[in-house]
PDB file of N, CA and C in Angstrom:
ATOM      1  N   MET A   1      18.132   6.945  28.065  1.00  0.00           N
ATOM      2  CA  MET A   1      18.307   8.307  26.877  1.00  0.00           C
ATOM      3  C   MET A   1      16.776   9.001  26.210  1.00  0.00           C
ATOM      4  N   GLU A   2      16.471   9.175  26.246  1.00  0.00           N
ATOM      5  CA  GLU A   2      14.717  10.341  25.004  1.00  0.00           C
ATOM      6  C   GLU A   2      15.261  10.575  23.898  1.00  0.00           C
ATOM      7  N   LEU A   3      15.181  10.099  22.519  1.00  0.00           N
ATOM      8  CA  LEU A   3      14.398  10.256  22.013  1.00  0.00           C
ATOM      9  C   LEU A   3      13.845  11.277  21.713  1.00  0.00           C
ATOM     10  N   PRO A   4      14.854  12.300  20.036  1.00  0.00           N
ATOM     11  CA  PRO A   4      13.789  13.387  20.128  1.00  0.00           C
ATOM     12  C   PRO A   4      12.717  13.813  19.114  1.00  0.00           C
ATOM     13  N   ASP A   5      11.963  14.133  19.483  1.00  0.00           N
ATOM     14  CA  ASP A   5      11.039  13.956  18.756  1.00  0.00           C
ATOM     15  C   ASP A   5      10.733  13.942  17.497  1.00  0.00           C
ATOM     16  N   ALA A   6      11.737  14.836  16.907  1.00  0.00           N
ATOM     17  CA  ALA A   6      11.723  14.092  15.120  1.00  0.00           C
ATOM     18  C   ALA A   6      11.832  12.529  15.368  1.00  0.00           C
ATOM     19  N   THR A   7      12.607  11.834  15.835  1.00  0.00           N
ATOM     20  CA  THR A   7      12.871  10.909  15.773  1.00  0.00           C
ATOM     21  C   THR A   7      11.744   9.663  15.876  1.00  0.00           C
ATOM     22  N   LYS A   8      11.444   9.859  16.868  1.00  0.00           N
ATOM     23  CA  LYS A   8      10.445   9.486  17.386  1.00  0.00           C
ATOM     24  C   LYS A   8       9.185   9.158  16.165  1.00  0.00           C
ATOM     25  N   LEU A   9       9.000  10.245  15.852  1.00  0.00           N
ATOM     26  CA  LEU A   9       7.853  10.639  14.642  1.00  0.00           C
ATOM     27  C   LEU A   9       8.610   9.573  13.573  1.00  0.00           C
ATOM     28  N   ALA A  10      10.015   9.568  13.159  1.00  0.00           N
ATOM     29  CA  ALA A  10      10.435   9.234  12.149  1.00  0.00           C
ATOM     30  C   ALA A  10       9.897   7.307  12.047  1.00  0.00           C
ATOM     31  N   VAL A  11      10.940   7.444  13.628  1.00  0.00           N
ATOM     32  CA  VAL A  11      10.280   5.424  13.649  1.00  0.00           C
ATOM     33  C   VAL A  11       9.123   4.873  13.623  1.00  0.00           C
ATOM     34  N   ASP A  12       8.111   6.241  14.115  1.00  0.00           N
ATOM     35  CA  ASP A  12       6.642   5.595  13.738  1.00  0.00           C
ATOM     36  C   ASP A  12       6.033   5.453  12.187  1.00  0.00           C
ATOM     37  N   ARG A  13       7.264   6.738  11.397  1.00  0.00           N
ATOM     38  CA  ARG A  13       6.721   6.605  10.298  1.00  0.00           C
ATOM     39  C   ARG A  13       7.198   4.927   9.819  1.00  0.00           C
ATOM     40  N   THR A  14       8.051   4.824   9.981  1.00  0.00           N
ATOM     41  CA  THR A  14       8.769   3.826   9.502  1.00  0.00           C
ATOM     42  C   THR A  14       7.939   1.975   9.873  1.00  0.00           C
ATOM     43  N   ARG A  15       7.700   1.895  11.957  1.00  0.00           N
ATOM     44  CA  ARG A  15       6.631   1.260  11.578  1.00  0.00           C
ATOM     45  C   ARG A  15       5.761   0.989  10.546  1.00  0.00           C
ATOM     46  N   LEU A  16       5.067   2.177  10.830  1.00  0.00           N
ATOM     47  CA  LEU A  16       3.486   2.126   9.914  1.00  0.00           C
ATOM     48  C   LEU A  16       3.812   1.853   8.369  1.00  0.00           C
ATOM     49  N   ALA A  17       4.906   2.098   7.706  1.00  0.00           N
ATOM     50  CA  ALA A  17       5.428   2.349   6.318  1.00  0.00           C
ATOM     51  C   ALA A  17       5.445  -0.230   6.583  1.00  0.00           C
ATOM     52  N   HIS A  18       6.290  -0.303   7.599  1.00  0.00           N
ATOM     53  CA  HIS A  18       6.212  -1.823   7.649  1.00  0.00           C
ATOM     54  C   HIS A  18       4.488  -2.509   7.956  1.00  0.00           C
ATOM     55  N   GLU A  19       3.974  -1.848   8.379  1.00  0.00           N
ATOM     56  CA  GLU A  19       2.461  -2.524   8.970  1.00  0.00           C
ATOM     57  C   GLU A  19       1.933  -2.598   7.230  1.00  0.00           C
ATOM     58  N   ARG A  20       2.262  -1.526   6.802  1.00  0.00           N
ATOM     59  CA  ARG A  20       1.039  -1.317   5.452  1.00  0.00           C
ATOM     60  C   ARG A  20       1.757  -2.340   4.779  1.00  0.00           C
ATOM     61  N   THR A  21       3.175  -2.123   4.411  1.00  0.00           N
ATOM     62  CA  THR A  21       3.504  -2.988   3.547  1.00  0.00           C
ATOM     63  C   THR A  21       3.572  -5.035   4.251  1.00  0.00           C
ATOM     64  N   LEU A  22       3.243  -5.725   5.261  1.00  0.00           N
ATOM     65  CA  LEU A  22       2.969  -7.082   5.817  1.00  0.00           C
ATOM     66  C   LEU A  22       1.285  -6.544   5.337  1.00  0.00           C
ATOM     67  N   MET A  23       0.671  -5.769   5.561  1.00  0.00           N
ATOM     68  CA  MET A  23      -1.117  -5.873   5.007  1.00  0.00           C
ATOM     69  C   MET A  23      -1.517  -5.593   3.999  1.00  0.00           C
ATOM     70  N   ALA A  24      -0.546  -5.957   2.872  1.00  0.00           N
ATOM     71  CA  ALA A  24      -0.489  -5.539   1.603  1.00  0.00           C
ATOM     72  C   ALA A  24      -0.531  -6.813   1.291  1.00  0.00           C
ATOM     73  N   TRP A  25       0.692  -7.426   1.780  1.00  0.00           N
ATOM     74  CA  TRP A  25       1.116  -9.146   1.594  1.00  0.00           C
ATOM     75  C   TRP A  25      -0.582  -9.760   2.343  1.00  0.00           C
ATOM     76  N   VAL A  26      -0.477  -9.808   3.354  1.00  0.00           N
ATOM     77  CA  VAL A  26      -1.704 -10.448   3.725  1.00  0.00           C
ATOM     78  C   VAL A  26      -2.850 -10.113   2.773  1.00  0.00           C
ATOM     79  N   ARG A  27      -3.074  -8.826   2.140  1.00  0.00           N
ATOM     80  CA  ARG A  27      -3.911  -8.774   1.486  1.00  0.00           C
ATOM     81  C   ARG A  27      -3.753  -9.694   0.174  1.00  0.00           C
ATOM     82  N   THR A  28      -2.671  -9.705  -0.736  1.00  0.00           N
ATOM     83  CA  THR A  28      -2.770 -10.437  -1.590  1.00  0.00           C
ATOM     84  C   THR A  28      -2.236 -11.762  -1.629  1.00  0.00           C
ATOM     85  N   SER A  29      -1.881 -12.295   0.084  1.00  0.00           N
ATOM     86  CA  SER A  29      -1.338 -14.093  -0.239  1.00  0.00           C
ATOM     87  C   SER A  29      -3.451 -14.107   0.099  1.00  0.00           C
ATOM     88  N   THR A  30      -3.888 -13.512   0.741  1.00  0.00           N
ATOM     89  CA  THR A  30      -5.795 -13.559   1.034  1.00  0.00           C
ATOM     90  C   THR A  30      -5.896 -14.545  -0.381  1.00  0.00           C
ATOM     91  N   SER A  31      -6.126 -13.146  -0.917  1.00  0.00           N
ATOM     92  CA  SER A  31      -6.854 -13.045  -3.021  1.00  0.00           C
ATOM     93  C   SER A  31      -5.943 -14.826  -3.383  1.00  0.00           C
ATOM     94  N   LEU A  32      -4.271 -15.361  -3.440  1.00  0.00           N
ATOM     95  CA  LEU A  32      -4.429 -16.119  -3.716  1.00  0.00           C
ATOM     96  C   LEU A  32      -4.732 -17.368  -3.317  1.00  0.00           C
ATOM     97  N   ILE A  33      -4.649 -17.454  -1.613  1.00  0.00           N
ATOM     98  CA  ILE A  33      -5.475 -18.469  -1.337  1.00  0.00           C
ATOM     99  C   ILE A  33      -6.973 -18.313  -1.379  1.00  0.00           C
ATOM    100  N   SER A  34      -7.957 -17.757  -1.664  1.00  0.00           N
ATOM    101  CA  SER A  34      -9.161 -18.000  -1.742  1.00  0.00           C
ATOM    102  C   SER A  34      -9.188 -17.974  -3.424  1.00  0.00           C
ATOM    103  N   PHE A  35      -9.008 -17.584  -3.811  1.00  0.00           N
ATOM    104  CA  PHE A  35      -8.984 -17.946  -5.246  1.00  0.00           C
ATOM    105  C   PHE A  35      -9.408 -19.159  -5.720  1.00  0.00           C
ATOM    106  N   GLY A  36      -7.831 -19.567  -5.663  1.00  0.00           N
ATOM    107  CA  GLY A  36      -7.744 -21.330  -5.176  1.00  0.00           C
ATOM    108  C   GLY A  36      -8.459 -22.560  -5.207  1.00  0.00           C
ATOM    109  N   PHE A  37      -8.528 -21.666  -4.027  1.00  0.00           N
ATOM    110  CA  PHE A  37      -9.439 -22.722  -3.328  1.00  0.00           C
ATOM    111  C   PHE A  37     -11.317 -22.184  -4.131  1.00  0.00           C
ATOM    112  N   THR A  38     -11.595 -21.271  -4.725  1.00  0.00           N
ATOM    113  CA  THR A  38     -12.487 -21.132  -5.274  1.00  0.00           C
ATOM    114  C   THR A  38     -12.515 -21.815  -6.902  1.00  0.00           C
ATOM    115  N   ILE A  39     -11.297 -21.864  -7.331  1.00  0.00           N
ATOM    116  CA  ILE A  39     -11.053 -22.342  -8.596  1.00  0.00           C
ATOM    117  C   ILE A  39     -10.606 -24.598  -8.016  1.00  0.00           C
ATOM    118  N   TYR A  40     -10.405 -24.776  -6.930  1.00  0.00           N
ATOM    119  CA  TYR A  40     -10.408 -25.857  -6.857  1.00  0.00           C
ATOM    120  C   TYR A  40     -12.248 -26.612  -6.875  1.00  0.00           C
ATOM    121  N   LYS A  41     -12.842 -25.725  -5.681  1.00  0.00           N
ATOM    122  CA  LYS A  41     -14.424 -26.195  -5.693  1.00  0.00           C
ATOM    123  C   LYS A  41     -14.949 -25.713  -7.174  1.00  0.00           C
ATOM    124  N   PHE A  42     -14.707 -24.723  -7.599  1.00  0.00           N
ATOM    125  CA  PHE A  42     -15.746 -25.092  -8.847  1.00  0.00           C
ATOM    126  C   PHE A  42     -15.463 -25.805  -9.756  1.00  0.00           C
ATOM    127  N   PHE A  43     -14.069 -26.544  -9.971  1.00  0.00           N
ATOM    128  CA  PHE A  43     -13.928 -27.550 -10.714  1.00  0.00           C
ATOM    129  C   PHE A  43     -14.626 -28.807 -10.535  1.00  0.00           C
ATOM    130  N   GLN A  44     -14.404 -28.663  -9.330  1.00  0.00           N
ATOM    131  CA  GLN A  44     -14.688 -29.858  -7.646  1.00  0.00           C
ATOM    132  C   GLN A  44     -16.346 -29.975  -9.264  1.00  0.00           C
ATOM    133  N   TYR A  45     -16.842 -29.019  -8.429  1.00  0.00           N
ATOM    134  CA  TYR A  45     -18.924 -29.144  -8.920  1.00  0.00           C
ATOM    135  C   TYR A  45     -18.739 -29.142 -10.035  1.00  0.00           C
ATOM    136  N   LEU A  46     -18.075 -28.731 -11.251  1.00  0.00           N
ATOM    137  CA  LEU A  46     -17.857 -28.991 -12.348  1.00  0.00           C
ATOM    138  C   LEU A  46     -18.286 -30.579 -12.757  1.00  0.00           C
ATOM    139  N   ARG A  47     -16.766 -31.337 -12.328  1.00  0.00           N
ATOM    140  CA  ARG A  47     -16.531 -32.512 -11.938  1.00  0.00           C
ATOM    141  C   ARG A  47     -18.078 -33.600 -11.444  1.00  0.00           C
ATOM    142  N   GLU A  48     -18.353 -33.162 -11.060  1.00  0.00           N
ATOM    143  CA  GLU A  48     -19.474 -33.808  -9.830  1.00  0.00           C
ATOM    144  C   GLU A  48     -20.846 -33.506 -10.931  1.00  0.00           C
ATOM    145  N   SER A  49     -21.253 -32.834 -11.080  1.00  0.00           N
ATOM    146  CA  SER A  49     -22.032 -32.737 -11.863  1.00  0.00           C
ATOM    147  C   SER A  49     -22.134 -32.745 -13.779  1.00  0.00           C
ATOM    148  N   GLU A  50     -21.560 -32.973 -14.133  1.00  0.00           N
ATOM    149  CA  GLU A  50     -21.149 -33.732 -15.933  1.00  0.00           C
ATOM    150  C   GLU A  50     -20.477 -34.709 -15.350  1.00  0.00           C
ATOM    151  N   SER A  51     -19.228 -35.162 -14.555  1.00  0.00           N
ATOM    152  CA  SER A  51     -18.922 -35.860 -14.676  1.00  0.00           C
ATOM    153  C   SER A  51     -17.684 -36.147 -15.951  1.00  0.00           C
ATOM    154  N   VAL A  52     -16.710 -35.005 -15.660  1.00  0.00           N
ATOM    155  CA  VAL A  52     -15.942 -34.565 -16.545  1.00  0.00           C
ATOM    156  C   VAL A  52     -14.151 -35.545 -16.135  1.00  0.00           C
ATOM    157  N   ALA A  53     -13.914 -36.475 -16.692  1.00  0.00           N
ATOM    158  CA  ALA A  53     -12.684 -37.014 -16.509  1.00  0.00           C
ATOM    159  C   ALA A  53     -12.084 -35.943 -16.638  1.00  0.00           C
ATOM    160  N   GLN A  54     -10.901 -36.254 -15.393  1.00  0.00           N
ATOM    161  CA  GLN A  54      -9.672 -35.904 -15.678  1.00  0.00           C
ATOM    162  C   GLN A  54      -8.434 -36.361 -16.331  1.00  0.00           C
ATOM    163  N   GLU A  55      -7.521 -35.116 -16.965  1.00  0.00           N
ATOM    164  CA  GLU A  55      -6.961 -36.215 -17.832  1.00  0.00           C
ATOM    165  C   GLU A  55      -5.957 -35.796 -17.887  1.00  0.00           C
ATOM    166  N   SER A  56      -5.647 -34.331 -17.844  1.00  0.00           N
ATOM    167  CA  SER A  56      -4.084 -34.258 -17.832  1.00  0.00           C
ATOM    168  C   SER A  56      -3.245 -34.732 -16.622  1.00  0.00           C
ATOM    169  N   ARG A  57      -2.206 -34.007 -16.417  1.00  0.00           N
ATOM    170  CA  ARG A  57      -1.260 -34.303 -15.335  1.00  0.00           C
ATOM    171  C   ARG A  57      -1.751 -32.797 -14.610  1.00  0.00           C
ATOM    172  N   PHE A  58      -1.493 -31.754 -15.175  1.00  0.00           N
ATOM    173  CA  PHE A  58      -1.900 -31.164 -14.023  1.00  0.00           C
ATOM    174  C   PHE A  58      -2.801 -30.153 -14.688  1.00  0.00           C
ATOM    175  N   GLY A  59      -3.707 -30.495 -13.635  1.00  0.00           N
ATOM    176  CA  GLY A  59      -5.393 -29.609 -13.726  1.00  0.00           C
ATOM    177  C   GLY A  59      -5.484 -28.617 -13.001  1.00  0.00           C
ATOM    178  N   PRO A  60      -7.083 -28.696 -12.806  1.00  0.00           N
ATOM    179  CA  PRO A  60      -7.284 -27.326 -11.556  1.00  0.00           C
ATOM    180  C   PRO A  60      -7.115 -27.695 -10.078  1.00  0.00           C
ATOM    181  N   ARG A  61      -7.484 -28.658  -9.756  1.00  0.00           N
ATOM    182  CA  ARG A  61      -6.776 -29.305  -8.479  1.00  0.00           C
ATOM    183  C   ARG A  61      -4.891 -28.788  -8.250  1.00  0.00           C
ATOM    184  N   GLU A  62      -4.109 -29.403  -8.272  1.00  0.00           N
ATOM    185  CA  GLU A  62      -2.625 -28.605  -8.980  1.00  0.00           C
ATOM    186  C   GLU A  62      -2.152 -27.777  -9.164  1.00  0.00           C
ATOM    187  N   PHE A  63      -3.620 -26.903  -9.907  1.00  0.00           N
ATOM    188  CA  PHE A  63      -3.701 -25.153 -10.021  1.00  0.00           C
ATOM    189  C   PHE A  63      -3.708 -24.868  -8.789  1.00  0.00           C
ATOM    190  N   ALA A  64      -4.525 -25.002  -8.271  1.00  0.00           N
ATOM    191  CA  ALA A  64      -5.502 -24.505  -6.989  1.00  0.00           C
ATOM    192  C   ALA A  64      -4.705 -24.921  -6.071  1.00  0.00           C
ATOM    193  N   LEU A  65      -3.562 -25.726  -5.818  1.00  0.00           N
ATOM    194  CA  LEU A  65      -2.436 -26.313  -5.036  1.00  0.00           C
ATOM    195  C   LEU A  65      -1.417 -25.228  -5.131  1.00  0.00           C
ATOM    196  N   LEU A  66      -1.439 -24.796  -5.726  1.00  0.00           N
ATOM    197  CA  LEU A  66      -0.293 -24.197  -6.462  1.00  0.00           C
ATOM    198  C   LEU A  66      -0.617 -22.466  -5.558  1.00  0.00           C
ATOM    199  N   MET A  67      -1.105 -21.905  -6.119  1.00  0.00           N
ATOM    200  CA  MET A  67      -2.213 -20.786  -5.592  1.00  0.00           C
ATOM    201  C   MET A  67      -2.313 -21.083  -4.663  1.00  0.00           C
ATOM    202  N   ILE A  68      -2.712 -21.644  -3.603  1.00  0.00           N
ATOM    203  CA  ILE A  68      -2.871 -21.607  -2.069  1.00  0.00           C
ATOM    204  C   ILE A  68      -1.318 -21.910  -1.798  1.00  0.00           C
ATOM    205  N   GLY A  69      -0.922 -22.753  -2.597  1.00  0.00           N
ATOM    206  CA  GLY A  69       0.983 -22.674  -1.614  1.00  0.00           C
ATOM    207  C   GLY A  69       1.448 -21.782  -2.148  1.00  0.00           C
ATOM    208  N   MET A  70       1.568 -21.283  -2.364  1.00  0.00           N
ATOM    209  CA  MET A  70       2.480 -19.941  -3.190  1.00  0.00           C
ATOM    210  C   MET A  70       1.530 -18.491  -2.256  1.00  0.00           C
ATOM    211  N   GLY A  71       0.317 -18.608  -1.797  1.00  0.00           N
ATOM    212  CA  GLY A  71      -0.296 -17.356  -0.795  1.00  0.00           C
ATOM    213  C   GLY A  71       0.031 -17.538   0.739  1.00  0.00           C
ATOM    214  N   VAL A  72       0.288 -18.808   0.927  1.00  0.00           N
ATOM    215  CA  VAL A  72       1.159 -19.503   2.562  1.00  0.00           C
ATOM    216  C   VAL A  72       2.278 -19.082   2.492  1.00  0.00           C
ATOM    217  N   VAL A  73       2.830 -19.302   1.326  1.00  0.00           N
ATOM    218  CA  VAL A  73       4.730 -19.148   1.270  1.00  0.00           C
ATOM    219  C   VAL A  73       4.818 -17.756   1.505  1.00  0.00           C
ATOM    220  N   ALA A  74       4.090 -16.952   0.375  1.00  0.00           N
ATOM    221  CA  ALA A  74       4.356 -15.477   1.138  1.00  0.00           C
ATOM    222  C   ALA A  74       3.741 -14.764   2.055  1.00  0.00           C
ATOM    223  N   LEU A  75       3.016 -15.517   2.603  1.00  0.00           N
ATOM    224  CA  LEU A  75       2.412 -14.253   3.737  1.00  0.00           C
ATOM    225  C   LEU A  75       3.628 -14.898   4.979  1.00  0.00           C
ATOM    226  N   VAL A  76       4.032 -16.127   4.973  1.00  0.00           N
ATOM    227  CA  VAL A  76       5.374 -16.725   6.115  1.00  0.00           C
ATOM    228  C   VAL A  76       6.531 -15.927   5.793  1.00  0.00           C
ATOM    229  N   LEU A  77       6.553 -15.731   4.554  1.00  0.00           N
ATOM    230  CA  LEU A  77       7.917 -15.028   4.611  1.00  0.00           C
ATOM    231  C   LEU A  77       8.265 -13.799   4.854  1.00  0.00           C
ATOM    232  N   ALA A  78       6.453 -13.031   4.170  1.00  0.00           N
ATOM    233  CA  ALA A  78       6.479 -11.640   4.359  1.00  0.00           C
ATOM    234  C   ALA A  78       5.885 -11.191   6.211  1.00  0.00           C
ATOM    235  N   THR A  79       5.823 -12.153   6.614  1.00  0.00           N
ATOM    236  CA  THR A  79       5.926 -12.016   8.326  1.00  0.00           C
ATOM    237  C   THR A  79       6.799 -12.108   9.233  1.00  0.00           C
ATOM    238  N   ILE A  80       8.188 -13.283   8.145  1.00  0.00           N
ATOM    239  CA  ILE A  80       9.531 -13.278   8.719  1.00  0.00           C
ATOM    240  C   ILE A  80       9.819 -11.562   8.234  1.00  0.00           C
ATOM    241  N   GLU A  81       9.596 -11.439   7.473  1.00  0.00           N
ATOM    242  CA  GLU A  81      10.840 -10.406   6.772  1.00  0.00           C
ATOM    243  C   GLU A  81      10.194  -8.974   8.043  1.00  0.00           C
ATOM    244  N   HIS A  82       8.575  -8.942   8.393  1.00  0.00           N
ATOM    245  CA  HIS A  82       8.209  -7.944   9.323  1.00  0.00           C
ATOM    246  C   HIS A  82       8.994  -8.116  10.732  1.00  0.00           C
ATOM    247  N   ARG A  83       8.910  -9.474  11.211  1.00  0.00           N
ATOM    248  CA  ARG A  83       9.385  -9.111  12.411  1.00  0.00           C
ATOM    249  C   ARG A  83      10.524  -8.887  12.352  1.00  0.00           C
ATOM    250  N   ARG A  84      11.569  -9.126  11.327  1.00  0.00           N
ATOM    251  CA  ARG A  84      12.491  -8.932  11.810  1.00  0.00           C
ATOM    252  C   ARG A  84      13.099  -7.616  11.237  1.00  0.00           C
ATOM    253  N   ASN A  85      12.192  -6.635  11.017  1.00  0.00           N
ATOM    254  CA  ASN A  85      12.435  -5.195  10.550  1.00  0.00           C
ATOM    255  C   ASN A  85      12.114  -4.654  11.774  1.00  0.00           C
ATOM    256  N   LEU A  86      11.096  -5.344  12.340  1.00  0.00           N
ATOM    257  CA  LEU A  86      10.691  -4.822  13.850  1.00  0.00           C
ATOM    258  C   LEU A  86      11.891  -5.124  14.635  1.00  0.00           C
ATOM    259  N   LYS A  87      12.797  -6.033  14.885  1.00  0.00           N
ATOM    260  CA  LYS A  87      13.475  -6.280  15.867  1.00  0.00           C
ATOM    261  C   LYS A  87      14.641  -5.418  15.335  1.00  0.00           C
ATOM    262  N   THR A  88      15.031  -4.986  14.345  1.00  0.00           N
ATOM    263  CA  THR A  88      15.823  -3.968  14.276  1.00  0.00           C
ATOM    264  C   THR A  88      15.394  -2.631  14.432  1.00  0.00           C
ATOM    265  N   LEU A  89      14.430  -1.843  14.421  1.00  0.00           N
ATOM    266  CA  LEU A  89      14.372  -0.948  15.347  1.00  0.00           C
ATOM    267  C   LEU A  89      14.238  -1.290  16.768  1.00  0.00           C
ATOM    268  N   ARG A  90      13.783  -2.120  17.294  1.00  0.00           N
ATOM    269  CA  ARG A  90      13.462  -2.044  18.923  1.00  0.00           C
ATOM    270  C   ARG A  90      14.749  -1.770  18.876  1.00  0.00           C
ATOM    271  N   THR A  91      16.061  -2.461  18.192  1.00  0.00           N
ATOM    272  CA  THR A  91      17.348  -2.445  18.608  1.00  0.00           C
ATOM    273  C   THR A  91      18.214  -1.087  18.694  1.00  0.00           C
ATOM    274  N   ALA A  92      17.898  -1.046  17.283  1.00  0.00           N
ATOM    275  CA  ALA A  92      18.451   0.968  17.235  1.00  0.00           C
ATOM    276  C   ALA A  92      17.611   2.110  17.485  1.00  0.00           C
ATOM    277  N   TYR A  93      16.355   1.544  18.004  1.00  0.00           N
ATOM    278  CA  TYR A  93      15.947   3.019  19.032  1.00  0.00           C
ATOM    279  C   TYR A  93      14.862   2.917  19.691  1.00  0.00           C
ATOM    280  N   GLY A  94      15.007   1.124  21.047  1.00  0.00           N
ATOM    281  CA  GLY A  94      13.988   1.045  21.677  1.00  0.00           C
ATOM    282  C   GLY A  94      12.640   0.551  21.818  1.00  0.00           C
ATOM    283  N   GLN A  95      12.281   0.594  23.167  1.00  0.00           N
ATOM    284  CA  GLN A  95      10.716  -0.027  22.534  1.00  0.00           C
ATOM    285  C   GLN A  95       9.686   0.270  21.345  1.00  0.00           C
ATOM    286  N   VAL A  96       9.636  -0.033  20.705  1.00  0.00           N
ATOM    287  CA  VAL A  96       8.695  -0.108  19.261  1.00  0.00           C
ATOM    288  C   VAL A  96       7.294  -1.059  19.516  1.00  0.00           C
ATOM    289  N   PRO A  97       6.367  -0.358  19.539  1.00  0.00           N
ATOM    290  CA  PRO A  97       5.166  -1.204  19.780  1.00  0.00           C
ATOM    291  C   PRO A  97       4.538  -2.773  18.794  1.00  0.00           C
ATOM    292  N   TYR A  98       3.902  -3.750  19.622  1.00  0.00           N
ATOM    293  CA  TYR A  98       4.073  -4.596  19.484  1.00  0.00           C
ATOM    294  C   TYR A  98       2.675  -4.812  17.812  1.00  0.00           C
ATOM    295  N   SER A  99       2.986  -5.786  16.610  1.00  0.00           N
ATOM    296  CA  SER A  99       1.680  -4.974  15.556  1.00  0.00           C
ATOM    297  C   SER A  99       1.128  -6.233  15.273  1.00  0.00           C
ATOM    298  N   LEU A 100      -0.472  -5.666  15.552  1.00  0.00           N
ATOM    299  CA  LEU A 100      -1.739  -6.521  14.898  1.00  0.00           C
ATOM    300  C   LEU A 100      -1.674  -7.362  13.748  1.00  0.00           C
ATOM    301  N   ALA A 101      -0.418  -6.677  13.396  1.00  0.00           N
ATOM    302  CA  ALA A 101      -0.409  -6.854  11.477  1.00  0.00           C
ATOM    303  C   ALA A 101       0.257  -8.426  11.790  1.00  0.00           C
ATOM    304  N   THR A 102       1.130  -8.825  12.763  1.00  0.00           N
ATOM    305  CA  THR A 102       1.681 -10.407  12.820  1.00  0.00           C
ATOM    306  C   THR A 102       0.537 -10.853  13.067  1.00  0.00           C
ATOM    307  N   VAL A 103      -0.153 -10.706  14.167  1.00  0.00           N
ATOM    308  CA  VAL A 103      -1.243 -11.515  14.510  1.00  0.00           C
ATOM    309  C   VAL A 103      -2.385 -12.220  13.951  1.00  0.00           C
ATOM    310  N   LEU A 104      -2.469 -11.247  12.701  1.00  0.00           N
ATOM    311  CA  LEU A 104      -3.427 -11.117  11.858  1.00  0.00           C
ATOM    312  C   LEU A 104      -2.776 -11.685  10.243  1.00  0.00           C
ATOM    313  N   ALA A 105      -1.496 -11.333  10.197  1.00  0.00           N
ATOM    314  CA  ALA A 105      -0.902 -12.458   8.713  1.00  0.00           C
ATOM    315  C   ALA A 105      -0.781 -13.984  10.195  1.00  0.00           C
ATOM    316  N   ALA A 106      -0.265 -14.505  10.895  1.00  0.00           N
ATOM    317  CA  ALA A 106      -0.682 -15.817  11.700  1.00  0.00           C
ATOM    318  C   ALA A 106      -1.885 -16.614  11.396  1.00  0.00           C
ATOM    319  N   PHE A 107      -2.618 -15.594  11.789  1.00  0.00           N
ATOM    320  CA  PHE A 107      -4.287 -16.245  11.623  1.00  0.00           C
ATOM    321  C   PHE A 107      -4.242 -16.756  10.269  1.00  0.00           C
ATOM    322  N   MET A 108      -4.409 -15.867   9.612  1.00  0.00           N
ATOM    323  CA  MET A 108      -3.971 -15.975   7.785  1.00  0.00           C
ATOM    324  C   MET A 108      -3.259 -17.181   7.533  1.00  0.00           C
ATOM    325  N   SER A 109      -2.069 -17.212   8.035  1.00  0.00           N
ATOM    326  CA  SER A 109      -1.152 -18.801   7.083  1.00  0.00           C
ATOM    327  C   SER A 109      -2.117 -19.832   8.303  1.00  0.00           C
ATOM    328  N   VAL A 110      -2.152 -19.808   8.997  1.00  0.00           N
ATOM    329  CA  VAL A 110      -2.951 -20.977   9.232  1.00  0.00           C
ATOM    330  C   VAL A 110      -4.599 -21.704   8.704  1.00  0.00           C
ATOM    331  N   LEU A 111      -5.282 -20.688   8.662  1.00  0.00           N
ATOM    332  CA  LEU A 111      -6.226 -20.564   7.438  1.00  0.00           C
ATOM    333  C   LEU A 111      -5.853 -21.370   6.070  1.00  0.00           C
ATOM    334  N   GLY A 112      -5.122 -20.504   6.016  1.00  0.00           N
ATOM    335  CA  GLY A 112      -4.436 -20.973   4.568  1.00  0.00           C
ATOM    336  C   GLY A 112      -3.716 -22.675   4.564  1.00  0.00           C
ATOM    337  N   MET A 113      -2.877 -22.702   5.627  1.00  0.00           N
ATOM    338  CA  MET A 113      -3.008 -23.935   5.707  1.00  0.00           C
ATOM    339  C   MET A 113      -4.049 -24.990   5.323  1.00  0.00           C
ATOM    340  N   VAL A 114      -5.072 -24.861   6.578  1.00  0.00           N
ATOM    341  CA  VAL A 114      -6.222 -25.446   6.220  1.00  0.00           C
ATOM    342  C   VAL A 114      -6.740 -25.706   5.267  1.00  0.00           C
ATOM    343  N   GLY A 115      -6.694 -24.929   4.296  1.00  0.00           N
ATOM    344  CA  GLY A 115      -7.391 -25.404   3.128  1.00  0.00           C
ATOM    345  C   GLY A 115      -5.856 -26.136   2.144  1.00  0.00           C
ATOM    346  N   LEU A 116      -4.968 -25.345   2.559  1.00  0.00           N
ATOM    347  CA  LEU A 116      -3.669 -26.075   1.655  1.00  0.00           C
ATOM    348  C   LEU A 116      -4.522 -27.748   1.745  1.00  0.00           C
ATOM    349  N   VAL A 117      -4.317 -28.201   3.289  1.00  0.00           N
ATOM    350  CA  VAL A 117      -4.815 -29.881   3.378  1.00  0.00           C
ATOM    351  C   VAL A 117      -5.677 -29.553   3.417  1.00  0.00           C
ATOM    352  N   ALA A 118      -7.124 -29.098   3.321  1.00  0.00           N
ATOM    353  CA  ALA A 118      -8.337 -29.916   2.574  1.00  0.00           C
ATOM    354  C   ALA A 118      -8.110 -30.467   1.388  1.00  0.00           C
ATOM    355  N   VAL A 119      -7.592 -28.909   0.372  1.00  0.00           N
ATOM    356  CA  VAL A 119      -7.587 -29.792  -1.144  1.00  0.00           C
ATOM    357  C   VAL A 119      -6.361 -30.193  -1.444  1.00  0.00           C
ATOM    358  N   LEU A 120      -5.391 -30.991  -0.968  1.00  0.00           N
ATOM    359  CA  LEU A 120      -4.244 -32.252  -0.580  1.00  0.00           C
ATOM    360  C   LEU A 120      -5.016 -33.042  -0.312  1.00  0.00           C
ATOM    361  N   PHE A 121      -5.807 -33.520   0.693  1.00  0.00           N
ATOM    362  CA  PHE A 121      -6.696 -34.712   1.114  1.00  0.00           C
ATOM    363  C   PHE A 121      -7.396 -35.026   0.602  1.00  0.00           C
ATOM    364  N   HIS A 122      -8.292 -33.934  -0.276  1.00  0.00           N
ATOM    365  CA  HIS A 122      -9.628 -34.199  -0.561  1.00  0.00           C
ATOM    366  C   HIS A 122      -9.399 -34.390  -2.035  1.00  0.00           C
ATOM    367  N   GLN A 123      -9.645 -35.784  -2.471  1.00  0.00           N
ATOM    368  CA  GLN A 123     -10.072 -36.370  -3.961  1.00  0.00           C
ATOM    369  C   GLN A 123     -11.689 -36.075  -4.179  1.00  0.00           C
TER     370      GLN A 123
END
């Protein structure tokens, strides 16, 4: 069954809206991950150069871990939601092109997890 042109265009607009939403999540998550990693490296540099002792339970390292973790979790959840939305479109309207934004989000998730592990296991 061939869809009317107006419906095809509506499906394309909806798919592109989902793509833009995922890319916004990628941008936000990448900012959280990079900001967390930057905080960690900055305070690591200060600690090494000035021999500053860390006295609090929730210091820069823990804050960096929290930010990186939030970025990775947000990105994974946004990717799952995006895939679910595309599956719904495919079910209702047939063939919908696959998303390159999903590939980018998966790649950024892996990089975020590498950053999280690097901060977690480096004292």
